[in-house]
C-alpha atoms as a PDB file:
ATOM      1  CA  MET A   1      22.741 -61.489  33.776  1.00  0.00           C
ATOM      2  CA  HIS A   2      20.959 -62.151  30.543  1.00  0.00           C
ATOM      3  CA  ASP A   3      17.642 -62.312  32.376  1.00  0.00           C
ATOM      4  CA  VAL A   4      18.195 -58.923  33.983  1.00  0.00           C
ATOM      5  CA  SER A   5      18.929 -57.179  30.703  1.00  0.00           C
ATOM      6  CA  SER A   6      15.791 -58.664  29.100  1.00  0.00           C
ATOM      7  CA  MET A   7      13.724 -57.453  32.066  1.00  0.00           C
ATOM      8  CA  MET A   8      15.147 -53.959  31.664  1.00  0.00           C
ATOM      9  CA  LYS A   9      14.128 -53.951  28.018  1.00  0.00           C
ATOM     10  CA  LEU A  10      10.572 -54.890  28.927  1.00  0.00           C
ATOM     11  CA  GLN A  11      10.391 -52.182  31.547  1.00  0.00           C
ATOM     12  CA  ARG A  12      11.786 -49.612  29.144  1.00  0.00           C
ATOM     13  CA  SER A  13       9.301 -50.423  26.410  1.00  0.00           C
ATOM     14  CA  GLY A  14       6.386 -50.222  28.861  1.00  0.00           C
ATOM     15  CA  CYS A  15       7.590 -46.898  30.210  1.00  0.00           C
ATOM     16  CA  HIS A  16       7.979 -45.527  26.697  1.00  0.00           C
ATOM     17  CA  GLN A  17       4.317 -46.141  25.888  1.00  0.00           C
ATOM     18  CA  MET A  18       3.198 -44.245  28.979  1.00  0.00           C
ATOM     19  CA  ARG A  19       4.775 -41.014  27.841  1.00  0.00           C
ATOM     20  CA  ALA A  20       2.590 -38.243  26.471  1.00  0.00           C
ATOM     21  CA  GLY A  21       1.981 -38.708  22.766  1.00  0.00           C
ATOM     22  CA  GLY A  22       3.442 -42.181  22.821  1.00  0.00           C
ATOM     23  CA  GLY A  23       0.456 -43.764  21.080  1.00  0.00           C
ATOM     24  CA  PRO A  24       0.361 -45.087  17.559  1.00  0.00           C
ATOM     25  CA  LYS A  25       1.820 -42.726  15.047  1.00  0.00           C
ATOM     26  CA  GLY A  26      -0.195 -41.524  12.080  1.00  0.00           C
ATOM     27  CA  PRO A  27       1.150 -40.462   8.699  1.00  0.00           C
ATOM     28  CA  PRO A  28       3.593 -37.552   8.758  1.00  0.00           C
ATOM     29  CA  SER A  29       1.990 -34.161   8.471  1.00  0.00           C
ATOM     30  CA  ALA A  30       2.379 -32.132   5.313  1.00  0.00           C
ATOM     31  CA  PRO A  31       5.025 -29.424   5.271  1.00  0.00           C
ATOM     32  CA  PRO A  32       3.760 -25.909   5.919  1.00  0.00           C
ATOM     33  CA  THR A  33       2.466 -24.226   2.797  1.00  0.00           C
ATOM     34  CA  ILE A  34       3.899 -20.969   1.545  1.00  0.00           C
ATOM     35  CA  PRO A  35       1.233 -18.258   1.428  1.00  0.00           C
ATOM     36  CA  PRO A  36       0.706 -16.741  -2.023  1.00  0.00           C
ATOM     37  CA  ILE A  37       2.303 -13.386  -2.697  1.00  0.00           C
ATOM     38  CA  ILE A  38      -0.356 -10.909  -3.786  1.00  0.00           C
ATOM     39  CA  ILE A  39       0.966  -7.943  -5.736  1.00  0.00           C
ATOM     40  CA  ASN A  40      -1.337  -4.977  -5.305  1.00  0.00           C
ATOM     41  CA  PRO A  41      -1.037  -2.446  -8.158  1.00  0.00           C
ATOM     42  CA  PHE A  42      -2.765   0.152  -5.965  1.00  0.00           C
ATOM     43  CA  ASN A  43      -0.226   0.224  -3.171  1.00  0.00           C
ATOM     44  CA  ARG A  44      -1.150   2.940  -0.696  1.00  0.00           C
ATOM     45  CA  GLU A  45       2.349   3.009   0.730  1.00  0.00           C
ATOM     46  CA  ALA A  46       3.905   4.085  -2.575  1.00  0.00           C
ATOM     47  CA  PRO A  47       5.545   7.511  -2.343  1.00  0.00           C
ATOM     48  CA  ARG A  48       3.703  10.329  -4.024  1.00  0.00           C
ATOM     49  CA  GLN A  49       5.274  11.810  -7.085  1.00  0.00           C
ATOM     50  CA  SER A  50       6.480  15.353  -6.739  1.00  0.00           C
ATOM     51  CA  SER A  51       4.607  18.087  -8.570  1.00  0.00           C
ATOM     52  CA  ILE A  52       7.819  19.100 -10.346  1.00  0.00           C
ATOM     53  CA  ASP A  53       8.497  17.061 -13.453  1.00  0.00           C
ATOM     54  CA  PRO A  54      12.291  16.639 -13.779  1.00  0.00           C
ATOM     55  CA  LEU A  55      12.009  15.974 -17.517  1.00  0.00           C
ATOM     56  CA  ARG A  56      10.240  19.247 -18.262  1.00  0.00           C
ATOM     57  CA  THR A  57      12.392  22.374 -18.547  1.00  0.00           C
ATOM     58  CA  PRO A  58      11.005  25.418 -16.757  1.00  0.00           C
ATOM     59  CA  LEU A  59       9.975  28.462 -18.757  1.00  0.00           C
ATOM     60  CA  PRO A  60      12.466  31.341 -18.833  1.00  0.00           C
ATOM     61  CA  PRO A  61      11.518  34.513 -16.945  1.00  0.00           C
ATOM     62  CA  PRO A  62       9.446  36.986 -18.967  1.00  0.00           C
ATOM     63  CA  VAL A  63      11.469  39.613 -20.783  1.00  0.00           C
ATOM     64  CA  ARG A  64      10.086  43.164 -20.854  1.00  0.00           C
ATOM     65  CA  ARG A  65      11.006  45.621 -23.506  1.00  0.00           C
ATOM     66  CA  PRO A  66      12.779  48.653 -22.170  1.00  0.00           C
ATOM     67  CA  GLY A  67      10.387  51.567 -21.774  1.00  0.00           C
ATOM     68  CA  LEU A  68      10.860  54.864 -23.592  1.00  0.00           C
ATOM     69  CA  PRO A  69      12.232  57.718 -21.464  1.00  0.00           C
ATOM     70  CA  GLY A  70       9.236  59.946 -22.226  1.00  0.00           C
ATOM     71  CA  MET A  71       6.714  57.372 -21.026  1.00  0.00           C
ATOM     72  CA  ARG A  72       8.024  57.125 -17.508  1.00  0.00           C
ATOM     73  CA  LEU A  73       5.632  58.066 -14.811  1.00  0.00           C
ATOM     74  CA  ARG A  74       6.632  61.098 -12.877  1.00  0.00           C
ATOM     75  CA  ALA A  75       6.002  61.444  -9.225  1.00  0.00           C
ATOM     76  CA  ALA A  76       3.125  63.783  -8.492  1.00  0.00           C
ATOM     77  CA  GLY A  77       4.540  66.928  -7.060  1.00  0.00           C
ATOM     78  CA  PRO A  78       4.929  70.702  -7.532  1.00  0.00           C
END
């Protein structure tokens, strides 16, 4: 029985070398590198600023002096 198990080991090792990629192993490959993060100060996707400045208070409406009663325009008529 001992002879049979040793024969199976020989057959297994020979079969293992026939597999794809079963040749001699080289050094392990390097881990994948992390790409650098490039910060673009001129980002075209940045939202445009609104034309209204929230920190600036709007001007009040213009105030007209009341006109004199004699300076009113009269409708042209008879």
